[in-house]
Amino acid sequence: MKKITLIFLFFFTTILLCSAQQVTLTPVQVKALTADWNGERFEDGRPKVSDQLLTRLKAVHLEEAWGILRNKGYQNQFEGDWMVQHQDSAMTGRVVTAQYMPLRPDVDKIMKETGKSEKRIGASNSWPIDILKDGDVYVADSYGKIADGTLIGDNLGNAIYTKSHRGVIFYGSVRDLEGLDDIKGFNSWTKGNDPSYIQQMMLTGINIPIRIGRATVLPGDAVLAKKYGVVFIPAHLLEEVVVNAEFIALKDGFGHQRLREGKYTPGQIDTQWTENIKKDFLQWIKDNPAKVPMSKQELEKFMTGRTW
């Protein structure tokens, strides 16, 4: 039944959006798209991953998150080559998606009429901003358009940060970076910037599946954005990604310390650990609780059945 629902969803999504029935997917459709998530959800159907995991996600290396997802079969979740406004600041959050296309008057008319019937206010590039909640990251596919493709300036940037306390990830551009720089805490990942205003573009959907370069992104994904790239993590895999990466960091910390102490050789640390080294590692964890970012329950759950 789940597979039939998903096939139905993907087959009819475009038809629904273009027939003036909706600007965004319904909560039922979002739930069908993210059916592997079993936790709490927002009213719009998006998975509501925990704030604690999002905070811990900031410490995860991009390569670790990418590698864990790749091993799970998710090979198209990374995009690089960004212009990052504040390169030394990592950003995590829950994704709200939007898709833009080159303007076609008949389709644009339908979308605007639909938005009016749904009581949406202002220009359509402000509609995704209106639904943002604290912890959300506005992620938009604007097909790499730079000149005349600027989705926001400092006014909309202020609105975004007020609602989400996050920034934006645009496969496109922004304007007025100087004004955006004045918004403390705001950050942006874009493909460029330009002083022009948005022209000859139209919004074609909110909280629908979108493409961001090499990555496929769903509403409710968790995002890890750093200066070297962006990884989009399916909500149902976030805890596994975070705890797995934290465990790798623990092993590395233990290994580095024991190498500096001369207790083990590089060959012993870089290969399958012996039972004695495993026991030493578990004791090291007990002796250094401040270095353990996960809870005891999370660690025990992760260790169950692990082959190291």
C-alpha atoms as a PDB file:
ATOM      1  CA  MET A   1       0.000   0.000   0.000  1.00  0.00           C
ATOM      2  CA  LYS A   2       2.843   2.391   0.854  1.00  0.00           C
ATOM      3  CA  LYS A   3       4.509   1.843  -2.541  1.00  0.00           C
ATOM      4  CA  ILE A   4       1.201   2.394  -4.355  1.00  0.00           C
ATOM      5  CA  THR A   5       0.679   5.629  -2.434  1.00  0.00           C
ATOM      6  CA  LEU A   6       4.149   6.903  -3.351  1.00  0.00           C
ATOM      7  CA  ILE A   7       3.691   6.052  -7.037  1.00  0.00           C
ATOM      8  CA  PHE A   8       0.351   7.846  -7.009  1.00  0.00           C
ATOM      9  CA  LEU A   9       1.943  10.808  -5.271  1.00  0.00           C
ATOM     10  CA  PHE A  10       4.822  11.274  -7.702  1.00  0.00           C
ATOM     11  CA  PHE A  11       2.628  10.706 -10.763  1.00  0.00           C
ATOM     12  CA  PHE A  12       0.072  13.324  -9.787  1.00  0.00           C
ATOM     13  CA  THR A  13       2.109  15.928  -7.880  1.00  0.00           C
ATOM     14  CA  THR A  14       2.897  18.034 -10.944  1.00  0.00           C
ATOM     15  CA  ILE A  15      -0.663  17.780 -12.222  1.00  0.00           C
ATOM     16  CA  LEU A  16      -2.032  18.884  -8.862  1.00  0.00           C
ATOM     17  CA  LEU A  17       0.327  21.823  -8.574  1.00  0.00           C
ATOM     18  CA  CYS A  18      -0.367  23.018 -12.096  1.00  0.00           C
ATOM     19  CA  SER A  19      -4.135  22.648 -11.887  1.00  0.00           C
ATOM     20  CA  ALA A  20      -4.539  25.377  -9.262  1.00  0.00           C
ATOM     21  CA  GLN A  21      -5.375  22.931  -6.474  1.00  0.00           C
ATOM     22  CA  GLN A  22      -2.386  23.632  -4.229  1.00  0.00           C
ATOM     23  CA  VAL A  23       0.912  25.494  -3.937  1.00  0.00           C
ATOM     24  CA  THR A  24       2.376  23.071  -1.416  1.00  0.00           C
ATOM     25  CA  LEU A  25       2.012  19.351  -0.851  1.00  0.00           C
ATOM     26  CA  THR A  26      -0.632  18.387   1.671  1.00  0.00           C
ATOM     27  CA  PRO A  27       0.392  16.932   5.048  1.00  0.00           C
ATOM     28  CA  VAL A  28      -0.775  13.516   3.827  1.00  0.00           C
ATOM     29  CA  GLN A  29       1.460  13.749   0.758  1.00  0.00           C
ATOM     30  CA  VAL A  30       4.463  14.920   2.814  1.00  0.00           C
ATOM     31  CA  LYS A  31       3.923  12.009   5.199  1.00  0.00           C
ATOM     32  CA  ALA A  32       3.843   9.604   2.244  1.00  0.00           C
ATOM     33  CA  LEU A  33       7.113  11.034   0.924  1.00  0.00           C
ATOM     34  CA  THR A  34       8.782  10.664   4.330  1.00  0.00           C
ATOM     35  CA  ALA A  35       7.110   7.407   5.351  1.00  0.00           C
ATOM     36  CA  ASP A  36      10.273   5.999   6.981  1.00  0.00           C
ATOM     37  CA  TRP A  37      10.070   8.676   9.701  1.00  0.00           C
ATOM     38  CA  ASN A  38       8.150   7.424  12.753  1.00  0.00           C
ATOM     39  CA  GLY A  39       8.543  10.404  15.064  1.00  0.00           C
ATOM     40  CA  GLU A  40       6.846  13.722  15.717  1.00  0.00           C
ATOM     41  CA  ARG A  41       5.714  15.869  12.776  1.00  0.00           C
ATOM     42  CA  PHE A  42       4.746  19.471  12.108  1.00  0.00           C
ATOM     43  CA  GLU A  43       1.194  20.329  11.077  1.00  0.00           C
ATOM     44  CA  ASP A  44       2.381  20.490   7.456  1.00  0.00           C
ATOM     45  CA  GLY A  45       3.499  16.853   7.665  1.00  0.00           C
ATOM     46  CA  ARG A  46       7.257  17.463   7.821  1.00  0.00           C
ATOM     47  CA  PRO A  47       9.306  15.316  10.200  1.00  0.00           C
ATOM     48  CA  LYS A  48      10.255  17.199  13.362  1.00  0.00           C
ATOM     49  CA  VAL A  49      13.730  15.940  14.243  1.00  0.00           C
ATOM     50  CA  SER A  50      14.971  16.956  17.677  1.00  0.00           C
ATOM     51  CA  ASP A  51      16.769  20.209  18.379  1.00  0.00           C
ATOM     52  CA  GLN A  52      19.358  18.254  20.389  1.00  0.00           C
ATOM     53  CA  LEU A  53      20.335  16.130  17.399  1.00  0.00           C
ATOM     54  CA  LEU A  54      20.550  19.230  15.193  1.00  0.00           C
ATOM     55  CA  THR A  55      22.891  20.860  17.712  1.00  0.00           C
ATOM     56  CA  ARG A  56      25.088  17.750  17.865  1.00  0.00           C
ATOM     57  CA  LEU A  57      25.050  17.504  14.067  1.00  0.00           C
ATOM     58  CA  LYS A  58      27.139  20.699  13.847  1.00  0.00           C
ATOM     59  CA  ALA A  59      30.175  18.789  15.142  1.00  0.00           C
ATOM     60  CA  VAL A  60      29.873  16.066  12.479  1.00  0.00           C
ATOM     61  CA  HIS A  61      32.346  16.253   9.583  1.00  0.00           C
ATOM     62  CA  LEU A  62      30.821  16.473   6.128  1.00  0.00           C
ATOM     63  CA  GLU A  63      32.810  13.447   4.974  1.00  0.00           C
ATOM     64  CA  GLU A  64      31.541  11.377   7.905  1.00  0.00           C
ATOM     65  CA  ALA A  65      27.905  12.239   7.221  1.00  0.00           C
ATOM     66  CA  TRP A  66      28.398  11.643   3.493  1.00  0.00           C
ATOM     67  CA  GLY A  67      30.085   8.292   4.089  1.00  0.00           C
ATOM     68  CA  ILE A  68      27.417   7.021   6.481  1.00  0.00           C
ATOM     69  CA  LEU A  69      24.630   7.999   4.054  1.00  0.00           C
ATOM     70  CA  ARG A  70      26.470   6.452   1.122  1.00  0.00           C
ATOM     71  CA  ASN A  71      26.793   3.162   2.991  1.00  0.00           C
ATOM     72  CA  LYS A  72      23.023   3.253   3.554  1.00  0.00           C
ATOM     73  CA  GLY A  73      22.420   3.639  -0.194  1.00  0.00           C
ATOM     74  CA  TYR A  74      21.874   7.417  -0.201  1.00  0.00           C
ATOM     75  CA  GLN A  75      24.542   8.458  -2.676  1.00  0.00           C
ATOM     76  CA  ASN A  76      23.075  11.753  -3.884  1.00  0.00           C
ATOM     77  CA  GLN A  77      22.868  13.935  -0.776  1.00  0.00           C
ATOM     78  CA  PHE A  78      25.907  16.250  -1.119  1.00  0.00           C
ATOM     79  CA  GLU A  79      26.456  19.482  -3.019  1.00  0.00           C
ATOM     80  CA  GLY A  80      29.664  21.550  -2.985  1.00  0.00           C
ATOM     81  CA  ASP A  81      31.065  24.715  -4.598  1.00  0.00           C
ATOM     82  CA  TRP A  82      29.052  27.251  -2.611  1.00  0.00           C
ATOM     83  CA  MET A  83      29.533  30.926  -1.948  1.00  0.00           C
ATOM     84  CA  VAL A  84      29.219  30.952   1.859  1.00  0.00           C
ATOM     85  CA  GLN A  85      28.496  34.257   3.517  1.00  0.00           C
ATOM     86  CA  HIS A  86      30.161  33.398   6.844  1.00  0.00           C
ATOM     87  CA  GLN A  87      32.524  30.510   6.190  1.00  0.00           C
ATOM     88  CA  ASP A  88      33.454  29.743   9.787  1.00  0.00           C
ATOM     89  CA  SER A  89      29.859  29.203  10.896  1.00  0.00           C
ATOM     90  CA  ALA A  90      28.132  25.822  10.511  1.00  0.00           C
ATOM     91  CA  MET A  91      24.353  25.664  10.089  1.00  0.00           C
ATOM     92  CA  THR A  92      21.940  22.825  10.781  1.00  0.00           C
ATOM     93  CA  GLY A  93      18.161  22.730  10.629  1.00  0.00           C
ATOM     94  CA  ARG A  94      14.969  21.224   9.215  1.00  0.00           C
ATOM     95  CA  VAL A  95      14.407  21.802   5.513  1.00  0.00           C
ATOM     96  CA  VAL A  96      11.568  23.765   3.950  1.00  0.00           C
ATOM     97  CA  THR A  97      11.836  23.398   0.172  1.00  0.00           C
ATOM     98  CA  ALA A  98      10.831  25.687  -2.674  1.00  0.00           C
ATOM     99  CA  GLN A  99      11.186  25.316  -6.433  1.00  0.00           C
ATOM    100  CA  TYR A 100      11.495  28.110  -8.988  1.00  0.00           C
ATOM    101  CA  MET A 101      11.467  27.925 -12.783  1.00  0.00           C
ATOM    102  CA  PRO A 102      11.848  30.331 -15.705  1.00  0.00           C
ATOM    103  CA  LEU A 103       8.649  32.343 -16.038  1.00  0.00           C
ATOM    104  CA  ARG A 104       5.860  30.920 -18.184  1.00  0.00           C
ATOM    105  CA  PRO A 105       2.813  33.237 -18.000  1.00  0.00           C
ATOM    106  CA  ASP A 106       0.072  30.607 -18.064  1.00  0.00           C
ATOM    107  CA  VAL A 107       1.620  28.525 -15.274  1.00  0.00           C
ATOM    108  CA  ASP A 108       2.539  31.615 -13.259  1.00  0.00           C
ATOM    109  CA  LYS A 109      -1.063  32.802 -13.485  1.00  0.00           C
ATOM    110  CA  ILE A 110      -2.307  29.489 -12.107  1.00  0.00           C
ATOM    111  CA  MET A 111       0.150  29.582  -9.212  1.00  0.00           C
ATOM    112  CA  LYS A 112      -0.748  33.169  -8.304  1.00  0.00           C
ATOM    113  CA  GLU A 113      -4.475  32.450  -8.467  1.00  0.00           C
ATOM    114  CA  THR A 114      -3.939  29.397  -6.287  1.00  0.00           C
ATOM    115  CA  GLY A 115      -1.940  31.429  -3.797  1.00  0.00           C
ATOM    116  CA  LYS A 116      -4.657  34.071  -3.697  1.00  0.00           C
ATOM    117  CA  SER A 117      -7.305  31.423  -3.009  1.00  0.00           C
ATOM    118  CA  GLU A 118      -5.116  30.109  -0.173  1.00  0.00           C
ATOM    119  CA  LYS A 119      -4.875  33.671   1.223  1.00  0.00           C
ATOM    120  CA  ARG A 120      -1.138  33.922   0.613  1.00  0.00           C
ATOM    121  CA  ILE A 121       0.156  37.478   0.855  1.00  0.00           C
ATOM    122  CA  GLY A 122       2.603  39.430  -1.300  1.00  0.00           C
ATOM    123  CA  ALA A 123       4.971  38.268  -4.027  1.00  0.00           C
ATOM    124  CA  SER A 124       5.297  34.514  -4.427  1.00  0.00           C
ATOM    125  CA  ASN A 125       8.992  34.510  -3.442  1.00  0.00           C
ATOM    126  CA  SER A 126       7.843  35.504   0.063  1.00  0.00           C
ATOM    127  CA  TRP A 127       5.393  32.587   0.432  1.00  0.00           C
ATOM    128  CA  PRO A 128       8.001  30.005   1.561  1.00  0.00           C
ATOM    129  CA  ILE A 129       9.180  32.492   4.185  1.00  0.00           C
ATOM    130  CA  ASP A 130       5.688  32.856   5.635  1.00  0.00           C
ATOM    131  CA  ILE A 131       5.595  29.187   6.709  1.00  0.00           C
ATOM    132  CA  LEU A 132       9.040  29.012   8.335  1.00  0.00           C
ATOM    133  CA  LYS A 133       9.302  27.929  11.967  1.00  0.00           C
ATOM    134  CA  ASP A 134      12.135  28.135  14.464  1.00  0.00           C
ATOM    135  CA  GLY A 135      14.896  25.753  13.378  1.00  0.00           C
ATOM    136  CA  ASP A 136      13.869  25.647   9.713  1.00  0.00           C
ATOM    137  CA  VAL A 137      16.273  26.230   6.833  1.00  0.00           C
ATOM    138  CA  TYR A 138      14.819  27.684   3.625  1.00  0.00           C
ATOM    139  CA  VAL A 139      16.240  25.592   0.743  1.00  0.00           C
ATOM    140  CA  ALA A 140      15.367  26.659  -2.803  1.00  0.00           C
ATOM    141  CA  ASP A 141      16.137  25.404  -6.289  1.00  0.00           C
ATOM    142  CA  SER A 142      16.309  28.494  -8.487  1.00  0.00           C
ATOM    143  CA  TYR A 143      18.154  26.635 -11.264  1.00  0.00           C
ATOM    144  CA  GLY A 144      21.459  28.486 -10.742  1.00  0.00           C
ATOM    145  CA  LYS A 145      20.200  31.847 -11.982  1.00  0.00           C
ATOM    146  CA  ILE A 146      22.401  34.708 -10.773  1.00  0.00           C
ATOM    147  CA  ALA A 147      21.531  38.001 -12.554  1.00  0.00           C
ATOM    148  CA  ASP A 148      17.801  38.715 -12.105  1.00  0.00           C
ATOM    149  CA  GLY A 149      17.600  35.538 -10.026  1.00  0.00           C
ATOM    150  CA  THR A 150      18.009  37.007  -6.547  1.00  0.00           C
ATOM    151  CA  LEU A 151      15.423  35.362  -4.298  1.00  0.00           C
ATOM    152  CA  ILE A 152      15.959  37.660  -1.309  1.00  0.00           C
ATOM    153  CA  GLY A 153      17.606  40.855  -0.143  1.00  0.00           C
ATOM    154  CA  ASP A 154      18.027  42.197   3.372  1.00  0.00           C
ATOM    155  CA  ASN A 155      14.284  42.782   3.978  1.00  0.00           C
ATOM    156  CA  LEU A 156      13.336  39.159   3.318  1.00  0.00           C
ATOM    157  CA  GLY A 157      16.562  38.080   5.021  1.00  0.00           C
ATOM    158  CA  ASN A 158      15.402  39.760   8.225  1.00  0.00           C
ATOM    159  CA  ALA A 159      12.016  38.059   7.933  1.00  0.00           C
ATOM    160  CA  ILE A 160      13.686  34.679   7.442  1.00  0.00           C
ATOM    161  CA  TYR A 161      15.932  35.037  10.470  1.00  0.00           C
ATOM    162  CA  THR A 162      13.110  36.345  12.666  1.00  0.00           C
ATOM    163  CA  LYS A 163      11.042  33.247  11.922  1.00  0.00           C
ATOM    164  CA  SER A 164      13.687  30.510  11.721  1.00  0.00           C
ATOM    165  CA  HIS A 165      16.822  31.831  13.457  1.00  0.00           C
ATOM    166  CA  ARG A 166      18.667  30.235  10.557  1.00  0.00           C
ATOM    167  CA  GLY A 167      19.708  31.211   7.038  1.00  0.00           C
ATOM    168  CA  VAL A 168      19.171  30.006   3.483  1.00  0.00           C
ATOM    169  CA  ILE A 169      20.558  27.541   0.945  1.00  0.00           C
ATOM    170  CA  PHE A 170      19.775  28.668  -2.610  1.00  0.00           C
ATOM    171  CA  TYR A 171      20.829  26.998  -5.842  1.00  0.00           C
ATOM    172  CA  GLY A 172      20.757  30.530  -7.195  1.00  0.00           C
ATOM    173  CA  SER A 173      21.507  33.989  -5.868  1.00  0.00           C
ATOM    174  CA  VAL A 174      20.750  36.751  -3.376  1.00  0.00           C
ATOM    175  CA  ARG A 175      21.101  40.521  -3.430  1.00  0.00           C
ATOM    176  CA  ASP A 176      22.375  43.096  -0.927  1.00  0.00           C
ATOM    177  CA  LEU A 177      24.956  40.963   0.846  1.00  0.00           C
ATOM    178  CA  GLU A 178      26.049  44.024   2.843  1.00  0.00           C
ATOM    179  CA  GLY A 179      22.548  44.293   4.269  1.00  0.00           C
ATOM    180  CA  LEU A 180      22.402  40.552   4.913  1.00  0.00           C
ATOM    181  CA  ASP A 181      25.734  40.818   6.738  1.00  0.00           C
ATOM    182  CA  ASP A 182      24.053  43.125   9.245  1.00  0.00           C
ATOM    183  CA  ILE A 183      21.651  40.361  10.325  1.00  0.00           C
ATOM    184  CA  LYS A 184      23.499  38.786  13.238  1.00  0.00           C
ATOM    185  CA  GLY A 185      23.258  34.998  13.068  1.00  0.00           C
ATOM    186  CA  PHE A 186      22.013  34.866   9.476  1.00  0.00           C
ATOM    187  CA  ASN A 187      24.044  32.872   6.952  1.00  0.00           C
ATOM    188  CA  SER A 188      23.637  31.946   3.297  1.00  0.00           C
ATOM    189  CA  TRP A 189      24.880  29.269   0.930  1.00  0.00           C
ATOM    190  CA  THR A 190      24.346  30.416  -2.663  1.00  0.00           C
ATOM    191  CA  LYS A 191      25.822  30.099  -6.133  1.00  0.00           C
ATOM    192  CA  GLY A 192      26.417  33.838  -6.370  1.00  0.00           C
ATOM    193  CA  ASN A 193      25.073  37.319  -5.693  1.00  0.00           C
ATOM    194  CA  ASP A 194      23.917  40.198  -7.856  1.00  0.00           C
ATOM    195  CA  PRO A 195      22.482  43.694  -7.296  1.00  0.00           C
ATOM    196  CA  SER A 196      19.529  42.994  -9.622  1.00  0.00           C
ATOM    197  CA  TYR A 197      15.943  42.201  -8.627  1.00  0.00           C
ATOM    198  CA  ILE A 198      14.194  38.914  -9.319  1.00  0.00           C
ATOM    199  CA  GLN A 199      12.737  38.849 -12.836  1.00  0.00           C
ATOM    200  CA  GLN A 200      11.303  36.269 -15.247  1.00  0.00           C
ATOM    201  CA  MET A 201      11.041  33.610 -12.557  1.00  0.00           C
ATOM    202  CA  MET A 202       8.094  31.858 -10.962  1.00  0.00           C
ATOM    203  CA  LEU A 203       7.482  29.760  -7.880  1.00  0.00           C
ATOM    204  CA  THR A 204       6.251  26.284  -8.817  1.00  0.00           C
ATOM    205  CA  GLY A 205       5.958  24.582  -5.444  1.00  0.00           C
ATOM    206  CA  ILE A 206       6.629  24.648  -1.703  1.00  0.00           C
ATOM    207  CA  ASN A 207       7.582  21.571   0.339  1.00  0.00           C
ATOM    208  CA  ILE A 208       7.940  19.385  -2.727  1.00  0.00           C
ATOM    209  CA  PRO A 209      10.951  17.225  -3.695  1.00  0.00           C
ATOM    210  CA  ILE A 210      13.632  19.428  -5.262  1.00  0.00           C
ATOM    211  CA  ARG A 211      17.080  19.079  -6.793  1.00  0.00           C
ATOM    212  CA  ILE A 212      19.983  21.027  -5.321  1.00  0.00           C
ATOM    213  CA  GLY A 213      22.867  20.356  -7.707  1.00  0.00           C
ATOM    214  CA  ARG A 214      23.886  16.739  -7.118  1.00  0.00           C
ATOM    215  CA  ALA A 215      21.408  16.243  -4.273  1.00  0.00           C
ATOM    216  CA  THR A 216      17.754  15.276  -4.011  1.00  0.00           C
ATOM    217  CA  VAL A 217      16.098  17.098  -1.116  1.00  0.00           C
ATOM    218  CA  LEU A 218      12.786  16.419   0.630  1.00  0.00           C
ATOM    219  CA  PRO A 219      10.827  18.639   3.023  1.00  0.00           C
ATOM    220  CA  GLY A 220      11.796  17.761   6.581  1.00  0.00           C
ATOM    221  CA  ASP A 221      15.307  16.601   5.741  1.00  0.00           C
ATOM    222  CA  ALA A 222      17.973  17.624   8.236  1.00  0.00           C
ATOM    223  CA  VAL A 223      20.724  19.724   6.681  1.00  0.00           C
ATOM    224  CA  LEU A 224      24.384  20.092   7.623  1.00  0.00           C
ATOM    225  CA  ALA A 225      25.926  23.139   5.952  1.00  0.00           C
ATOM    226  CA  LYS A 226      29.603  24.052   6.305  1.00  0.00           C
ATOM    227  CA  LYS A 227      32.129  26.026   4.285  1.00  0.00           C
ATOM    228  CA  TYR A 228      33.134  22.968   2.250  1.00  0.00           C
ATOM    229  CA  GLY A 229      29.638  21.873   1.268  1.00  0.00           C
ATOM    230  CA  VAL A 230      26.132  20.836   2.253  1.00  0.00           C
ATOM    231  CA  VAL A 231      24.742  17.389   3.151  1.00  0.00           C
ATOM    232  CA  PHE A 232      21.000  16.707   3.219  1.00  0.00           C
ATOM    233  CA  ILE A 233      20.110  13.908   5.646  1.00  0.00           C
ATOM    234  CA  PRO A 234      16.792  12.001   5.516  1.00  0.00           C
ATOM    235  CA  ALA A 235      15.040  12.570   8.831  1.00  0.00           C
ATOM    236  CA  HIS A 236      14.828   8.874   9.675  1.00  0.00           C
ATOM    237  CA  LEU A 237      18.623   8.547   9.379  1.00  0.00           C
ATOM    238  CA  LEU A 238      19.634  11.627  11.384  1.00  0.00           C
ATOM    239  CA  GLU A 239      20.118   9.891  14.743  1.00  0.00           C
ATOM    240  CA  GLU A 240      22.139   7.119  13.113  1.00  0.00           C
ATOM    241  CA  VAL A 241      24.337   9.621  11.292  1.00  0.00           C
ATOM    242  CA  VAL A 242      24.981  11.689  14.432  1.00  0.00           C
ATOM    243  CA  VAL A 243      25.664   8.793  16.819  1.00  0.00           C
ATOM    244  CA  ASN A 244      27.776   6.925  14.264  1.00  0.00           C
ATOM    245  CA  ALA A 245      29.888  10.021  13.608  1.00  0.00           C
ATOM    246  CA  GLU A 246      30.248  10.685  17.326  1.00  0.00           C
ATOM    247  CA  PHE A 247      31.395   7.092  17.870  1.00  0.00           C
ATOM    248  CA  ILE A 248      33.989   7.467  15.092  1.00  0.00           C
ATOM    249  CA  ALA A 249      35.240  10.644  16.775  1.00  0.00           C
ATOM    250  CA  LEU A 250      35.490   8.807  20.107  1.00  0.00           C
ATOM    251  CA  LYS A 251      37.504   6.000  18.550  1.00  0.00           C
ATOM    252  CA  ASP A 252      39.800   8.518  16.885  1.00  0.00           C
ATOM    253  CA  GLY A 253      40.282  10.428  20.159  1.00  0.00           C
ATOM    254  CA  PHE A 254      41.134   7.215  22.010  1.00  0.00           C
ATOM    255  CA  GLY A 255      43.451   6.008  19.266  1.00  0.00           C
ATOM    256  CA  HIS A 256      45.325   9.310  19.015  1.00  0.00           C
ATOM    257  CA  GLN A 257      45.827   9.455  22.770  1.00  0.00           C
ATOM    258  CA  ARG A 258      47.106   5.891  22.988  1.00  0.00           C
ATOM    259  CA  LEU A 259      49.471   6.485  20.038  1.00  0.00           C
ATOM    260  CA  ARG A 260      50.901   9.588  21.742  1.00  0.00           C
ATOM    261  CA  GLU A 261      51.348   7.559  24.901  1.00  0.00           C
ATOM    262  CA  GLY A 262      53.128   4.837  22.940  1.00  0.00           C
ATOM    263  CA  LYS A 263      50.806   2.153  24.312  1.00  0.00           C
ATOM    264  CA  TYR A 264      49.929   0.809  20.850  1.00  0.00           C
ATOM    265  CA  THR A 265      51.548   0.892  17.437  1.00  0.00           C
ATOM    266  CA  PRO A 266      49.908   2.516  14.373  1.00  0.00           C
ATOM    267  CA  GLY A 267      49.401  -0.971  12.960  1.00  0.00           C
ATOM    268  CA  GLN A 268      47.411  -2.006  16.003  1.00  0.00           C
ATOM    269  CA  ILE A 269      45.170   1.080  15.915  1.00  0.00           C
ATOM    270  CA  ASP A 270      44.615   1.198  12.152  1.00  0.00           C
ATOM    271  CA  THR A 271      43.497  -2.415  11.835  1.00  0.00           C
ATOM    272  CA  GLN A 272      40.786  -4.563  13.439  1.00  0.00           C
ATOM    273  CA  TRP A 273      41.133  -4.038  17.177  1.00  0.00           C
ATOM    274  CA  THR A 274      41.979  -6.912  19.452  1.00  0.00           C
ATOM    275  CA  GLU A 275      39.716  -7.760  22.388  1.00  0.00           C
ATOM    276  CA  ASN A 276      42.209  -6.121  24.755  1.00  0.00           C
ATOM    277  CA  ILE A 277      42.131  -2.840  22.817  1.00  0.00           C
ATOM    278  CA  LYS A 278      38.317  -2.927  22.745  1.00  0.00           C
ATOM    279  CA  LYS A 279      38.215  -3.399  26.516  1.00  0.00           C
ATOM    280  CA  ASP A 280      40.719  -0.572  26.946  1.00  0.00           C
ATOM    281  CA  PHE A 281      38.538   1.672  24.756  1.00  0.00           C
ATOM    282  CA  LEU A 282      35.373   0.922  26.744  1.00  0.00           C
ATOM    283  CA  GLN A 283      37.210   1.659  29.983  1.00  0.00           C
ATOM    284  CA  TRP A 284      38.554   4.894  28.455  1.00  0.00           C
ATOM    285  CA  ILE A 285      34.968   5.942  27.723  1.00  0.00           C
ATOM    286  CA  LYS A 286      33.988   5.334  31.360  1.00  0.00           C
ATOM    287  CA  ASP A 287      37.008   7.299  32.567  1.00  0.00           C
ATOM    288  CA  ASN A 288      36.304  10.260  30.240  1.00  0.00           C
ATOM    289  CA  PRO A 289      32.541  10.961  30.405  1.00  0.00           C
ATOM    290  CA  ALA A 290      33.018  14.600  29.355  1.00  0.00           C
ATOM    291  CA  LYS A 291      34.295  13.407  25.979  1.00  0.00           C
ATOM    292  CA  VAL A 292      31.178  11.320  25.288  1.00  0.00           C
ATOM    293  CA  PRO A 293      28.530  13.421  23.468  1.00  0.00           C
ATOM    294  CA  MET A 294      25.805  10.752  23.307  1.00  0.00           C
ATOM    295  CA  SER A 295      23.727   9.424  26.178  1.00  0.00           C
ATOM    296  CA  LYS A 296      24.494   6.101  27.834  1.00  0.00           C
ATOM    297  CA  GLN A 297      21.337   4.658  26.268  1.00  0.00           C
ATOM    298  CA  GLU A 298      22.316   5.844  22.788  1.00  0.00           C
ATOM    299  CA  LEU A 299      25.800   4.392  23.174  1.00  0.00           C
ATOM    300  CA  GLU A 300      24.510   1.037  24.414  1.00  0.00           C
ATOM    301  CA  LYS A 301      21.975   0.884  21.580  1.00  0.00           C
ATOM    302  CA  PHE A 302      24.664   1.702  19.047  1.00  0.00           C
ATOM    303  CA  MET A 303      27.113  -0.828  20.473  1.00  0.00           C
ATOM    304  CA  THR A 304      24.560  -3.669  20.367  1.00  0.00           C
ATOM    305  CA  GLY A 305      25.537  -6.008  17.570  1.00  0.00           C
ATOM    306  CA  ARG A 306      28.374  -3.766  16.404  1.00  0.00           C
ATOM    307  CA  THR A 307      31.318  -5.587  14.811  1.00  0.00           C
ATOM    308  CA  TRP A 308      33.702  -2.637  15.245  1.00  0.00           C
END
